[in-house]
N, C-alpha and C. Protein backbone atom coordinates (compact mmCIF):
# COMPACT_ATOMS: atom_id res chain seq x y z
N UNK A 1 79.95 -13.71 59.09
CA UNK A 1 81.04 -14.59 59.55
C UNK A 1 82.31 -13.76 59.75
N UNK A 2 82.97 -13.88 60.94
CA UNK A 2 84.19 -13.12 61.14
C UNK A 2 85.34 -13.76 60.35
N UNK A 3 86.43 -13.01 60.23
CA UNK A 3 87.51 -13.45 59.35
C UNK A 3 88.13 -14.76 59.80
N UNK A 4 88.31 -14.93 61.09
CA UNK A 4 88.92 -16.16 61.61
C UNK A 4 88.09 -17.38 61.22
N UNK A 5 86.78 -17.31 61.40
CA UNK A 5 85.91 -18.43 61.06
C UNK A 5 85.87 -18.65 59.55
N UNK A 6 85.86 -17.54 58.79
CA UNK A 6 85.82 -17.64 57.34
C UNK A 6 87.07 -18.35 56.80
N UNK A 7 88.23 -17.93 57.28
CA UNK A 7 89.49 -18.52 56.81
C UNK A 7 89.57 -20.00 57.19
N UNK A 8 89.17 -20.34 58.42
CA UNK A 8 89.18 -21.75 58.83
C UNK A 8 88.25 -22.59 57.94
N UNK A 9 87.05 -22.08 57.67
CA UNK A 9 86.10 -22.83 56.85
C UNK A 9 86.65 -23.06 55.45
N UNK A 10 87.23 -21.99 54.87
CA UNK A 10 87.76 -22.09 53.51
C UNK A 10 88.87 -23.13 53.43
N UNK A 11 89.84 -23.04 54.33
CA UNK A 11 90.99 -23.92 54.22
C UNK A 11 90.69 -25.35 54.66
N UNK A 12 89.76 -25.52 55.59
CA UNK A 12 89.30 -26.88 55.89
C UNK A 12 88.63 -27.50 54.66
N UNK A 13 87.89 -26.68 53.93
CA UNK A 13 87.14 -27.15 52.77
C UNK A 13 88.03 -27.56 51.61
N UNK A 14 89.06 -26.75 51.31
CA UNK A 14 89.88 -27.00 50.12
C UNK A 14 91.16 -27.78 50.43
N UNK A 15 91.34 -28.21 51.66
CA UNK A 15 92.61 -28.83 52.07
C UNK A 15 93.00 -30.00 51.18
N UNK A 16 92.03 -30.84 50.79
CA UNK A 16 92.35 -32.05 50.03
C UNK A 16 92.81 -31.75 48.61
N UNK A 17 92.59 -30.53 48.13
CA UNK A 17 93.06 -30.14 46.80
C UNK A 17 94.07 -29.00 46.87
N UNK A 18 94.46 -28.62 48.06
CA UNK A 18 95.28 -27.42 48.26
C UNK A 18 96.64 -27.53 47.57
N UNK A 19 97.38 -28.60 47.83
CA UNK A 19 98.72 -28.75 47.25
C UNK A 19 98.66 -28.79 45.72
N UNK A 20 97.74 -29.59 45.21
CA UNK A 20 97.61 -29.73 43.76
C UNK A 20 97.34 -28.38 43.10
N UNK A 21 96.39 -27.63 43.67
CA UNK A 21 96.03 -26.34 43.09
C UNK A 21 97.16 -25.32 43.26
N UNK A 22 97.84 -25.34 44.39
CA UNK A 22 98.97 -24.43 44.61
C UNK A 22 100.01 -24.59 43.51
N UNK A 23 100.40 -25.83 43.26
CA UNK A 23 101.46 -26.09 42.29
C UNK A 23 100.97 -25.86 40.86
N UNK A 24 99.72 -26.22 40.60
CA UNK A 24 99.16 -26.02 39.27
C UNK A 24 99.01 -24.54 38.95
N UNK A 25 98.39 -23.80 39.85
CA UNK A 25 98.06 -22.40 39.57
C UNK A 25 99.28 -21.48 39.61
N UNK A 26 100.36 -21.93 40.26
CA UNK A 26 101.60 -21.13 40.27
C UNK A 26 102.58 -21.63 39.22
N UNK A 27 102.22 -22.68 38.52
CA UNK A 27 103.14 -23.26 37.54
C UNK A 27 104.36 -23.88 38.20
N UNK A 28 104.25 -24.22 39.48
CA UNK A 28 105.36 -24.83 40.20
C UNK A 28 106.37 -23.84 40.75
N UNK A 29 106.18 -22.55 40.49
CA UNK A 29 107.14 -21.53 40.93
C UNK A 29 107.10 -21.37 42.45
N UNK A 30 106.04 -21.83 43.10
CA UNK A 30 105.94 -21.70 44.55
C UNK A 30 107.08 -22.42 45.27
N UNK A 31 107.59 -23.51 44.67
CA UNK A 31 108.74 -24.19 45.28
C UNK A 31 109.96 -23.26 45.31
N UNK A 32 110.18 -22.56 44.21
CA UNK A 32 111.31 -21.63 44.11
C UNK A 32 111.17 -20.49 45.12
N UNK A 33 109.95 -19.96 45.26
CA UNK A 33 109.73 -18.85 46.19
C UNK A 33 110.09 -19.24 47.62
N UNK A 34 109.66 -20.42 48.03
CA UNK A 34 109.95 -20.86 49.40
C UNK A 34 111.45 -21.05 49.61
N UNK A 35 112.10 -21.68 48.64
CA UNK A 35 113.53 -21.94 48.76
C UNK A 35 114.31 -20.62 48.82
N UNK A 36 113.92 -19.67 47.99
CA UNK A 36 114.60 -18.37 47.99
C UNK A 36 114.42 -17.66 49.33
N UNK A 37 113.21 -17.69 49.87
CA UNK A 37 112.93 -17.03 51.15
C UNK A 37 113.76 -17.64 52.28
N UNK A 38 113.88 -18.96 52.28
CA UNK A 38 114.67 -19.64 53.32
C UNK A 38 116.15 -19.31 53.19
N UNK A 39 116.65 -19.23 51.96
CA UNK A 39 118.06 -18.88 51.75
C UNK A 39 118.33 -17.45 52.21
N UNK A 40 117.41 -16.54 51.92
CA UNK A 40 117.59 -15.14 52.34
C UNK A 40 117.58 -15.01 53.86
N UNK A 41 116.85 -15.89 54.53
CA UNK A 41 116.79 -15.84 56.00
C UNK A 41 118.00 -16.50 56.65
N UNK A 42 118.85 -17.15 55.81
CA UNK A 42 120.07 -17.83 56.28
C UNK A 42 119.74 -18.91 57.32
N UNK A 43 118.66 -19.60 57.09
CA UNK A 43 118.26 -20.69 57.97
C UNK A 43 119.29 -21.82 57.89
N UNK A 44 119.54 -22.53 59.01
CA UNK A 44 120.57 -23.57 59.01
C UNK A 44 120.22 -24.67 60.02
N UNK A 45 121.12 -25.63 60.17
CA UNK A 45 120.85 -26.80 61.02
C UNK A 45 120.67 -26.45 62.49
N UNK A 46 121.13 -25.27 62.89
CA UNK A 46 121.00 -24.85 64.29
C UNK A 46 119.72 -24.05 64.55
N UNK A 47 118.96 -23.79 63.50
CA UNK A 47 117.75 -22.98 63.64
C UNK A 47 116.66 -23.73 64.41
N UNK A 48 115.88 -22.96 65.16
CA UNK A 48 114.69 -23.48 65.84
C UNK A 48 113.51 -22.75 65.21
N UNK A 49 112.72 -23.46 64.43
CA UNK A 49 111.76 -22.83 63.52
C UNK A 49 110.30 -23.05 63.92
N UNK A 50 109.56 -21.98 63.86
CA UNK A 50 108.10 -22.04 63.96
C UNK A 50 107.53 -21.59 62.62
N UNK A 51 106.80 -22.49 61.96
CA UNK A 51 106.16 -22.16 60.68
C UNK A 51 104.69 -21.87 60.95
N UNK A 52 104.33 -20.60 60.86
CA UNK A 52 102.96 -20.16 61.14
C UNK A 52 102.13 -20.23 59.86
N UNK A 53 100.83 -20.52 60.00
CA UNK A 53 99.96 -20.72 58.84
C UNK A 53 100.61 -21.74 57.92
N UNK A 54 101.07 -22.84 58.54
CA UNK A 54 101.91 -23.81 57.84
C UNK A 54 101.15 -24.61 56.78
N UNK A 55 99.82 -24.63 56.87
CA UNK A 55 99.05 -25.39 55.89
C UNK A 55 99.45 -26.85 55.88
N UNK A 56 99.71 -27.38 54.70
CA UNK A 56 100.08 -28.78 54.57
C UNK A 56 101.58 -29.00 54.71
N UNK A 57 102.32 -27.95 55.05
CA UNK A 57 103.71 -28.11 55.46
C UNK A 57 104.80 -27.87 54.44
N UNK A 58 104.48 -27.33 53.27
CA UNK A 58 105.51 -27.20 52.24
C UNK A 58 106.70 -26.34 52.67
N UNK A 59 106.44 -25.23 53.39
CA UNK A 59 107.54 -24.37 53.83
C UNK A 59 108.41 -25.10 54.86
N UNK A 60 107.77 -25.73 55.82
CA UNK A 60 108.49 -26.46 56.86
C UNK A 60 109.28 -27.63 56.27
N UNK A 61 108.67 -28.33 55.31
CA UNK A 61 109.34 -29.46 54.67
C UNK A 61 110.56 -28.98 53.88
N UNK A 62 110.45 -27.81 53.23
CA UNK A 62 111.59 -27.24 52.52
C UNK A 62 112.72 -26.89 53.49
N UNK A 63 112.35 -26.37 54.68
CA UNK A 63 113.35 -26.06 55.70
C UNK A 63 114.02 -27.33 56.21
N UNK A 64 113.25 -28.37 56.36
CA UNK A 64 113.78 -29.66 56.80
C UNK A 64 114.82 -30.17 55.81
N UNK A 65 114.55 -30.01 54.54
CA UNK A 65 115.50 -30.44 53.50
C UNK A 65 116.79 -29.62 53.53
N UNK A 66 116.72 -28.44 54.11
CA UNK A 66 117.91 -27.59 54.23
C UNK A 66 118.65 -27.82 55.54
N UNK A 67 118.25 -28.86 56.28
CA UNK A 67 118.99 -29.25 57.46
C UNK A 67 118.39 -28.89 58.80
N UNK A 68 117.25 -28.17 58.80
CA UNK A 68 116.61 -27.78 60.06
C UNK A 68 115.87 -29.00 60.64
N UNK A 69 116.11 -29.31 61.89
CA UNK A 69 115.47 -30.47 62.52
C UNK A 69 114.47 -30.08 63.60
N UNK A 70 114.64 -28.89 64.16
CA UNK A 70 113.73 -28.43 65.22
C UNK A 70 112.67 -27.53 64.60
N UNK A 71 111.52 -28.11 64.27
CA UNK A 71 110.45 -27.40 63.55
C UNK A 71 109.11 -27.64 64.22
N UNK A 72 108.38 -26.56 64.44
CA UNK A 72 106.99 -26.63 64.90
C UNK A 72 106.11 -26.00 63.82
N UNK A 73 105.03 -26.65 63.47
CA UNK A 73 104.08 -26.10 62.51
C UNK A 73 102.81 -25.67 63.22
N UNK A 74 102.25 -24.54 62.83
CA UNK A 74 101.02 -24.04 63.46
C UNK A 74 100.05 -23.56 62.39
N UNK A 75 98.79 -23.93 62.53
CA UNK A 75 97.77 -23.51 61.58
C UNK A 75 96.40 -23.58 62.26
N UNK A 76 95.45 -22.78 61.78
CA UNK A 76 94.11 -22.81 62.37
C UNK A 76 93.24 -23.89 61.75
N UNK A 77 93.68 -24.50 60.64
CA UNK A 77 92.89 -25.52 59.96
C UNK A 77 93.32 -26.92 60.37
N UNK A 78 92.45 -27.63 61.03
CA UNK A 78 92.74 -29.01 61.45
C UNK A 78 92.99 -29.90 60.24
N UNK A 79 92.20 -29.72 59.19
CA UNK A 79 92.35 -30.56 58.00
C UNK A 79 93.71 -30.37 57.33
N UNK A 80 94.20 -29.14 57.32
CA UNK A 80 95.53 -28.86 56.76
C UNK A 80 96.60 -29.58 57.57
N UNK A 81 96.50 -29.48 58.90
CA UNK A 81 97.49 -30.12 59.77
C UNK A 81 97.47 -31.64 59.61
N UNK A 82 96.29 -32.18 59.41
CA UNK A 82 96.17 -33.63 59.21
C UNK A 82 96.92 -34.06 57.95
N UNK A 83 96.81 -33.27 56.88
CA UNK A 83 97.52 -33.57 55.64
C UNK A 83 99.02 -33.39 55.81
N UNK A 84 99.43 -32.39 56.59
CA UNK A 84 100.85 -32.19 56.90
C UNK A 84 101.40 -33.47 57.52
N UNK A 85 100.70 -34.02 58.49
CA UNK A 85 101.14 -35.25 59.15
C UNK A 85 101.26 -36.41 58.17
N UNK A 86 100.38 -36.44 57.18
CA UNK A 86 100.41 -37.53 56.20
C UNK A 86 101.60 -37.40 55.24
N UNK A 87 102.10 -36.17 55.08
CA UNK A 87 103.20 -35.91 54.13
C UNK A 87 104.58 -36.11 54.74
N UNK A 88 104.68 -36.19 56.07
CA UNK A 88 105.99 -36.29 56.70
C UNK A 88 105.98 -37.34 57.80
N UNK A 89 107.18 -37.83 58.12
CA UNK A 89 107.28 -38.82 59.20
C UNK A 89 107.87 -38.21 60.47
N UNK A 90 108.04 -36.89 60.47
CA UNK A 90 108.65 -36.22 61.63
C UNK A 90 107.74 -35.17 62.27
N UNK A 91 106.62 -34.87 61.63
CA UNK A 91 105.78 -33.77 62.10
C UNK A 91 104.85 -34.15 63.26
N UNK A 92 104.57 -35.43 63.41
CA UNK A 92 103.63 -35.87 64.45
C UNK A 92 104.13 -35.45 65.83
N UNK A 93 103.26 -34.76 66.57
CA UNK A 93 103.65 -34.23 67.87
C UNK A 93 104.28 -32.85 67.80
N UNK A 94 104.50 -32.36 66.57
CA UNK A 94 105.14 -31.06 66.38
C UNK A 94 104.23 -30.06 65.67
N UNK A 95 102.92 -30.35 65.66
CA UNK A 95 101.95 -29.46 65.01
C UNK A 95 100.95 -28.94 66.03
N UNK A 96 100.60 -27.66 65.89
CA UNK A 96 99.71 -27.00 66.84
C UNK A 96 98.58 -26.31 66.08
N UNK A 97 97.36 -26.51 66.55
CA UNK A 97 96.21 -25.84 65.93
C UNK A 97 96.00 -24.50 66.63
N UNK A 98 96.47 -23.43 65.99
CA UNK A 98 96.38 -22.09 66.59
C UNK A 98 96.55 -21.04 65.50
N UNK A 99 96.36 -19.79 65.89
CA UNK A 99 96.57 -18.67 64.98
C UNK A 99 97.69 -17.79 65.54
N UNK A 100 98.25 -16.94 64.70
CA UNK A 100 99.39 -16.12 65.10
C UNK A 100 99.08 -15.21 66.28
N UNK A 101 97.86 -14.69 66.32
CA UNK A 101 97.49 -13.74 67.36
C UNK A 101 97.35 -14.39 68.74
N UNK A 102 97.29 -15.72 68.77
CA UNK A 102 97.05 -16.42 70.03
C UNK A 102 98.14 -17.44 70.35
N UNK A 103 99.36 -17.21 69.86
CA UNK A 103 100.46 -18.14 70.10
C UNK A 103 100.75 -18.23 71.60
N UNK A 104 100.85 -19.46 72.11
CA UNK A 104 101.06 -19.65 73.55
C UNK A 104 102.48 -20.06 73.92
N UNK A 105 103.40 -20.03 72.96
CA UNK A 105 104.78 -20.41 73.26
C UNK A 105 105.44 -19.36 74.17
N UNK A 106 106.45 -19.81 74.91
CA UNK A 106 107.17 -18.92 75.82
C UNK A 106 107.98 -17.88 75.06
N UNK A 107 108.28 -16.78 75.74
CA UNK A 107 109.14 -15.74 75.15
C UNK A 107 110.49 -16.35 74.76
N UNK A 108 111.07 -15.80 73.71
CA UNK A 108 112.44 -16.17 73.29
C UNK A 108 112.60 -17.67 73.04
N UNK A 109 111.64 -18.26 72.35
CA UNK A 109 111.65 -19.71 72.12
C UNK A 109 112.25 -20.13 70.78
N UNK A 110 112.22 -19.25 69.77
CA UNK A 110 112.60 -19.64 68.41
C UNK A 110 113.66 -18.69 67.82
N UNK A 111 114.46 -19.24 66.92
CA UNK A 111 115.41 -18.40 66.18
C UNK A 111 114.79 -17.89 64.90
N UNK A 112 113.79 -18.61 64.40
CA UNK A 112 113.17 -18.25 63.12
C UNK A 112 111.67 -18.52 63.12
N UNK A 113 110.95 -17.62 62.46
CA UNK A 113 109.53 -17.81 62.18
C UNK A 113 109.35 -17.64 60.68
N UNK A 114 108.57 -18.53 60.07
CA UNK A 114 108.26 -18.40 58.65
C UNK A 114 106.75 -18.37 58.45
N UNK A 115 106.34 -17.62 57.43
CA UNK A 115 104.93 -17.59 57.03
C UNK A 115 104.89 -17.50 55.50
N UNK A 116 104.26 -18.45 54.86
CA UNK A 116 104.12 -18.40 53.40
C UNK A 116 102.66 -18.17 53.03
N UNK A 117 102.40 -17.02 52.43
CA UNK A 117 101.06 -16.69 51.92
C UNK A 117 99.99 -16.82 53.01
N UNK A 118 100.33 -16.38 54.22
CA UNK A 118 99.40 -16.51 55.32
C UNK A 118 99.08 -15.22 56.06
N UNK A 119 99.97 -14.23 56.00
CA UNK A 119 99.75 -13.04 56.83
C UNK A 119 98.51 -12.25 56.41
N UNK A 120 98.14 -12.33 55.14
CA UNK A 120 96.94 -11.60 54.73
C UNK A 120 95.67 -12.23 55.29
N UNK A 121 95.81 -13.44 55.85
CA UNK A 121 94.66 -14.10 56.47
C UNK A 121 94.57 -13.83 57.97
N UNK A 122 95.56 -13.14 58.54
CA UNK A 122 95.51 -12.82 59.97
C UNK A 122 94.33 -11.89 60.22
N UNK A 123 93.66 -12.07 61.35
CA UNK A 123 92.54 -11.18 61.65
C UNK A 123 93.00 -9.92 62.38
N UNK A 124 94.23 -9.93 62.94
CA UNK A 124 94.82 -8.73 63.53
C UNK A 124 96.32 -8.79 63.27
N UNK A 125 96.75 -8.15 62.20
CA UNK A 125 98.13 -8.28 61.72
C UNK A 125 99.14 -7.79 62.76
N UNK A 126 98.88 -6.65 63.36
CA UNK A 126 99.83 -6.09 64.33
C UNK A 126 99.99 -7.02 65.54
N UNK A 127 98.89 -7.57 66.04
CA UNK A 127 98.97 -8.49 67.18
C UNK A 127 99.74 -9.76 66.80
N UNK A 128 99.54 -10.21 65.58
CA UNK A 128 100.28 -11.38 65.10
C UNK A 128 101.77 -11.12 65.08
N UNK A 129 102.16 -9.95 64.57
CA UNK A 129 103.58 -9.61 64.50
C UNK A 129 104.18 -9.38 65.90
N UNK A 130 103.39 -8.85 66.82
CA UNK A 130 103.86 -8.69 68.20
C UNK A 130 104.11 -10.05 68.84
N UNK A 131 103.26 -11.03 68.52
CA UNK A 131 103.48 -12.39 69.00
C UNK A 131 104.78 -12.95 68.44
N UNK A 132 105.04 -12.70 67.16
CA UNK A 132 106.29 -13.13 66.54
C UNK A 132 107.48 -12.57 67.31
N UNK A 133 107.42 -11.26 67.55
CA UNK A 133 108.53 -10.57 68.22
C UNK A 133 108.76 -11.14 69.63
N UNK A 134 107.71 -11.42 70.31
CA UNK A 134 107.80 -11.92 71.70
C UNK A 134 108.48 -13.28 71.77
N UNK A 135 108.12 -14.20 70.87
CA UNK A 135 108.62 -15.57 70.99
C UNK A 135 109.94 -15.80 70.27
N UNK A 136 110.42 -14.81 69.51
CA UNK A 136 111.73 -14.92 68.87
C UNK A 136 112.85 -14.58 69.85
N UNK A 137 113.96 -15.28 69.71
CA UNK A 137 115.15 -14.93 70.47
C UNK A 137 115.75 -13.64 69.92
N UNK A 138 116.56 -12.96 70.71
CA UNK A 138 117.25 -11.77 70.22
C UNK A 138 118.12 -12.15 69.03
N UNK A 139 117.99 -11.40 67.94
CA UNK A 139 118.71 -11.72 66.71
C UNK A 139 117.93 -12.67 65.81
N UNK A 140 116.79 -13.16 66.32
CA UNK A 140 115.96 -14.06 65.52
C UNK A 140 115.27 -13.34 64.37
N UNK A 141 114.79 -14.11 63.40
CA UNK A 141 114.21 -13.52 62.19
C UNK A 141 112.82 -14.06 61.89
N UNK A 142 111.95 -13.17 61.45
CA UNK A 142 110.66 -13.54 60.89
C UNK A 142 110.75 -13.39 59.38
N UNK A 143 110.44 -14.44 58.65
CA UNK A 143 110.51 -14.43 57.19
C UNK A 143 109.11 -14.61 56.63
N UNK A 144 108.66 -13.61 55.89
CA UNK A 144 107.28 -13.59 55.38
C UNK A 144 107.30 -13.61 53.85
N UNK A 145 106.63 -14.60 53.29
CA UNK A 145 106.47 -14.72 51.85
C UNK A 145 105.00 -14.44 51.55
N UNK A 146 104.75 -13.45 50.70
CA UNK A 146 103.37 -13.05 50.45
C UNK A 146 103.19 -12.48 49.05
N UNK A 147 101.99 -12.63 48.52
CA UNK A 147 101.67 -12.04 47.23
C UNK A 147 101.63 -10.52 47.32
N UNK A 148 101.81 -9.87 46.19
CA UNK A 148 101.65 -8.42 46.08
C UNK A 148 101.21 -8.11 44.65
N UNK A 149 100.77 -6.89 44.42
CA UNK A 149 100.43 -6.47 43.06
C UNK A 149 101.67 -5.88 42.40
N UNK A 150 102.02 -6.33 41.20
CA UNK A 150 103.21 -5.81 40.51
C UNK A 150 103.08 -4.32 40.22
N UNK A 151 104.19 -3.61 40.19
CA UNK A 151 104.17 -2.18 39.90
C UNK A 151 104.09 -1.90 38.40
N UNK A 152 104.62 -2.80 37.58
CA UNK A 152 104.54 -2.66 36.13
C UNK A 152 103.09 -2.80 35.69
N UNK A 153 102.56 -1.81 34.99
CA UNK A 153 101.13 -1.78 34.68
C UNK A 153 100.70 -2.93 33.77
N UNK A 154 101.55 -3.33 32.82
CA UNK A 154 101.19 -4.42 31.91
C UNK A 154 101.16 -5.76 32.66
N UNK A 155 102.21 -6.01 33.45
CA UNK A 155 102.26 -7.25 34.24
C UNK A 155 101.12 -7.27 35.25
N UNK A 156 100.82 -6.11 35.82
CA UNK A 156 99.72 -6.01 36.78
C UNK A 156 98.40 -6.37 36.12
N UNK A 157 98.20 -5.92 34.90
CA UNK A 157 96.95 -6.22 34.18
C UNK A 157 96.82 -7.73 33.94
N UNK A 158 97.92 -8.36 33.47
CA UNK A 158 97.90 -9.81 33.24
C UNK A 158 97.64 -10.55 34.55
N UNK A 159 98.33 -10.12 35.59
CA UNK A 159 98.24 -10.73 36.91
C UNK A 159 96.80 -10.67 37.44
N UNK A 160 96.19 -9.48 37.36
CA UNK A 160 94.83 -9.31 37.87
C UNK A 160 93.82 -10.09 37.03
N UNK A 161 94.03 -10.12 35.71
CA UNK A 161 93.14 -10.89 34.85
C UNK A 161 93.20 -12.37 35.23
N UNK A 162 94.40 -12.89 35.44
CA UNK A 162 94.58 -14.29 35.83
C UNK A 162 93.94 -14.54 37.20
N UNK A 163 94.23 -13.65 38.15
CA UNK A 163 93.75 -13.83 39.52
C UNK A 163 92.23 -13.73 39.63
N UNK A 164 91.63 -12.85 38.84
CA UNK A 164 90.20 -12.59 38.99
C UNK A 164 89.32 -13.40 38.04
N UNK A 165 89.92 -14.02 37.02
CA UNK A 165 89.13 -14.77 36.04
C UNK A 165 89.53 -16.24 35.95
N UNK A 166 90.79 -16.49 35.63
CA UNK A 166 91.24 -17.86 35.40
C UNK A 166 91.36 -18.64 36.70
N UNK A 167 92.01 -18.05 37.69
CA UNK A 167 92.23 -18.75 38.97
C UNK A 167 90.92 -19.16 39.64
N UNK A 168 89.95 -18.25 39.80
CA UNK A 168 88.69 -18.68 40.43
C UNK A 168 87.96 -19.76 39.62
N UNK A 169 88.04 -19.68 38.30
CA UNK A 169 87.37 -20.66 37.44
C UNK A 169 87.95 -22.06 37.65
N UNK A 170 89.29 -22.16 37.57
CA UNK A 170 89.95 -23.46 37.75
C UNK A 170 89.78 -23.94 39.18
N UNK A 171 89.98 -23.04 40.13
CA UNK A 171 89.87 -23.40 41.54
C UNK A 171 88.50 -23.92 41.90
N UNK A 172 87.47 -23.30 41.36
CA UNK A 172 86.09 -23.72 41.65
C UNK A 172 85.79 -25.10 41.06
N UNK A 173 86.28 -25.35 39.84
CA UNK A 173 86.04 -26.64 39.20
C UNK A 173 86.70 -27.77 39.99
N UNK A 174 87.93 -27.55 40.43
CA UNK A 174 88.69 -28.62 41.09
C UNK A 174 88.32 -28.77 42.57
N UNK A 175 88.18 -27.63 43.26
CA UNK A 175 87.94 -27.70 44.71
C UNK A 175 86.46 -27.74 45.07
N UNK A 176 85.59 -27.34 44.13
CA UNK A 176 84.14 -27.25 44.36
C UNK A 176 83.79 -26.23 45.44
N UNK A 177 84.69 -25.25 45.65
CA UNK A 177 84.44 -24.21 46.66
C UNK A 177 84.66 -22.85 46.00
N UNK A 178 83.57 -22.25 45.54
CA UNK A 178 83.67 -20.99 44.81
C UNK A 178 84.22 -19.87 45.68
N UNK A 179 83.81 -19.82 46.95
CA UNK A 179 84.25 -18.74 47.83
C UNK A 179 85.76 -18.74 48.00
N UNK A 180 86.36 -19.92 48.10
CA UNK A 180 87.80 -20.03 48.38
C UNK A 180 88.62 -19.31 47.32
N UNK A 181 88.29 -19.52 46.06
CA UNK A 181 89.13 -18.98 44.99
C UNK A 181 88.62 -17.65 44.44
N UNK A 182 87.63 -17.07 45.10
CA UNK A 182 87.33 -15.65 44.89
C UNK A 182 87.91 -14.87 46.07
N UNK A 183 87.98 -15.53 47.25
CA UNK A 183 88.59 -14.90 48.42
C UNK A 183 90.07 -14.60 48.16
N UNK A 184 90.78 -15.51 47.50
CA UNK A 184 92.21 -15.34 47.27
C UNK A 184 92.55 -14.04 46.55
N UNK A 185 92.01 -13.79 45.32
CA UNK A 185 92.35 -12.52 44.65
C UNK A 185 91.84 -11.31 45.40
N UNK A 186 90.69 -11.42 46.03
CA UNK A 186 90.15 -10.28 46.79
C UNK A 186 91.05 -9.95 47.98
N UNK A 187 91.56 -10.98 48.65
CA UNK A 187 92.41 -10.76 49.82
C UNK A 187 93.76 -10.17 49.41
N UNK A 188 94.30 -10.59 48.26
CA UNK A 188 95.56 -10.03 47.77
C UNK A 188 95.39 -8.56 47.41
N UNK A 189 94.31 -8.26 46.73
CA UNK A 189 94.00 -6.89 46.32
C UNK A 189 93.88 -5.98 47.54
N UNK A 190 93.10 -6.43 48.52
CA UNK A 190 92.87 -5.64 49.73
C UNK A 190 94.16 -5.48 50.53
N UNK A 191 94.92 -6.55 50.67
CA UNK A 191 96.17 -6.53 51.44
C UNK A 191 97.15 -5.55 50.81
N UNK A 192 97.29 -5.61 49.49
CA UNK A 192 98.23 -4.74 48.79
C UNK A 192 97.85 -3.27 48.94
N UNK A 193 96.56 -3.00 48.93
CA UNK A 193 96.09 -1.61 49.01
C UNK A 193 96.21 -1.03 50.42
N UNK A 194 96.07 -1.88 51.44
CA UNK A 194 95.97 -1.37 52.80
C UNK A 194 97.17 -1.62 53.70
N UNK A 195 98.03 -2.59 53.35
CA UNK A 195 99.06 -3.02 54.30
C UNK A 195 100.47 -2.69 53.81
N UNK A 196 101.21 -2.00 54.67
CA UNK A 196 102.64 -1.77 54.48
C UNK A 196 103.35 -2.71 55.44
N UNK A 197 103.86 -3.82 54.93
CA UNK A 197 104.45 -4.84 55.78
C UNK A 197 105.57 -4.28 56.66
N UNK A 198 106.44 -3.49 56.07
CA UNK A 198 107.58 -2.95 56.81
C UNK A 198 107.10 -2.09 57.98
N UNK A 199 106.10 -1.27 57.74
CA UNK A 199 105.56 -0.40 58.78
C UNK A 199 105.01 -1.22 59.95
N UNK A 200 104.25 -2.26 59.65
CA UNK A 200 103.67 -3.10 60.70
C UNK A 200 104.76 -3.83 61.49
N UNK A 201 105.76 -4.33 60.80
CA UNK A 201 106.83 -5.07 61.47
C UNK A 201 107.64 -4.15 62.39
N UNK A 202 107.92 -2.96 61.93
CA UNK A 202 108.64 -2.00 62.77
C UNK A 202 107.81 -1.61 63.99
N UNK A 203 106.52 -1.42 63.76
CA UNK A 203 105.63 -1.06 64.86
C UNK A 203 105.54 -2.18 65.90
N UNK A 204 105.70 -3.42 65.46
CA UNK A 204 105.66 -4.57 66.37
C UNK A 204 106.95 -4.74 67.15
N UNK A 205 107.97 -3.93 66.82
CA UNK A 205 109.22 -3.97 67.57
C UNK A 205 110.42 -4.49 66.82
N UNK A 206 110.23 -4.93 65.57
CA UNK A 206 111.35 -5.44 64.79
C UNK A 206 112.26 -4.31 64.30
N UNK A 207 113.50 -4.69 64.00
CA UNK A 207 114.44 -3.74 63.40
C UNK A 207 115.03 -4.38 62.16
N UNK A 208 115.71 -3.60 61.37
CA UNK A 208 116.40 -4.12 60.18
C UNK A 208 115.46 -4.93 59.30
N UNK A 209 114.36 -4.33 58.89
CA UNK A 209 113.38 -5.00 58.04
C UNK A 209 113.74 -4.79 56.57
N UNK A 210 113.90 -5.87 55.83
CA UNK A 210 114.19 -5.77 54.40
C UNK A 210 113.09 -6.47 53.61
N UNK A 211 112.78 -5.94 52.43
CA UNK A 211 111.76 -6.54 51.57
C UNK A 211 112.30 -6.67 50.16
N UNK A 212 112.22 -7.87 49.62
CA UNK A 212 112.64 -8.13 48.24
C UNK A 212 111.45 -8.63 47.43
N UNK A 213 111.49 -8.36 46.15
CA UNK A 213 110.45 -8.84 45.25
C UNK A 213 110.98 -9.99 44.40
N UNK A 214 110.07 -10.82 43.91
CA UNK A 214 110.46 -11.94 43.05
C UNK A 214 109.41 -12.14 41.97
N UNK A 215 109.86 -12.74 40.85
CA UNK A 215 108.98 -13.10 39.72
C UNK A 215 108.13 -11.93 39.26
N UNK A 216 108.79 -10.94 38.69
CA UNK A 216 108.13 -9.75 38.13
C UNK A 216 107.35 -8.95 39.19
N UNK A 217 107.70 -9.13 40.44
CA UNK A 217 107.06 -8.36 41.50
C UNK A 217 105.72 -8.88 41.97
N UNK A 218 105.42 -10.16 41.66
CA UNK A 218 104.12 -10.69 42.09
C UNK A 218 104.16 -11.27 43.51
N UNK A 219 105.37 -11.47 44.04
CA UNK A 219 105.52 -11.87 45.44
C UNK A 219 106.55 -11.00 46.13
N UNK A 220 106.47 -10.92 47.44
CA UNK A 220 107.44 -10.18 48.24
C UNK A 220 107.95 -11.07 49.35
N UNK A 221 109.21 -10.88 49.70
CA UNK A 221 109.82 -11.61 50.80
C UNK A 221 110.31 -10.58 51.80
N UNK A 222 109.67 -10.56 52.96
CA UNK A 222 110.05 -9.63 54.03
C UNK A 222 110.80 -10.40 55.10
N UNK A 223 111.94 -9.86 55.51
CA UNK A 223 112.72 -10.46 56.59
C UNK A 223 112.92 -9.41 57.66
N UNK A 224 112.45 -9.72 58.88
CA UNK A 224 112.52 -8.78 59.99
C UNK A 224 113.31 -9.40 61.13
N UNK A 225 114.28 -8.65 61.62
CA UNK A 225 115.15 -9.15 62.68
C UNK A 225 114.79 -8.51 64.02
N UNK A 226 114.79 -9.33 65.09
CA UNK A 226 114.53 -8.85 66.41
C UNK A 226 115.81 -8.26 67.02
């Protein structure tokens, strides 16, 4: 199974338990991560936002609460988008079933792009980032929130133990999809070992790329300006 089909199958399968497990397994800190990323991107009421790999819409909904009214959500999972529509009264007609590498929006359409915990699921990261660069207006920003492995060896050990033992166990019991919650730690491990976000973003044409860490270095927030 290729990566695109694998990711779609996994997220279609776990969609009905996705929000619950996200908040449970992160201890609710995921709300803080999204809010911090949006504040760092200086998003405001004049922003025109595309939320890629939007899932059930938590990032887009957080942006809406900060005053953004022009929001498009995009995801490859139909079931995720269906739940997004159920959670909001403004998303209907503003959701698109697509992946980052195949975005069909016109050049210079958005001031902001956001992705929360989705770029490691791209099947061609560089092509995805090139799409971001193309559809952003000059001065626009791509804000990426993603897991990483902590540099502190003790925290890294705790993190990996949780990710490889506790998370799959709980995830499998609740979602009934063993592959989904073994894919997560494996994808984080592989992404951290192989991907330099800043390098890829610069190669895609972005400038002024900054990366910050949060919560003992278990997540990173990359902001790239066109």
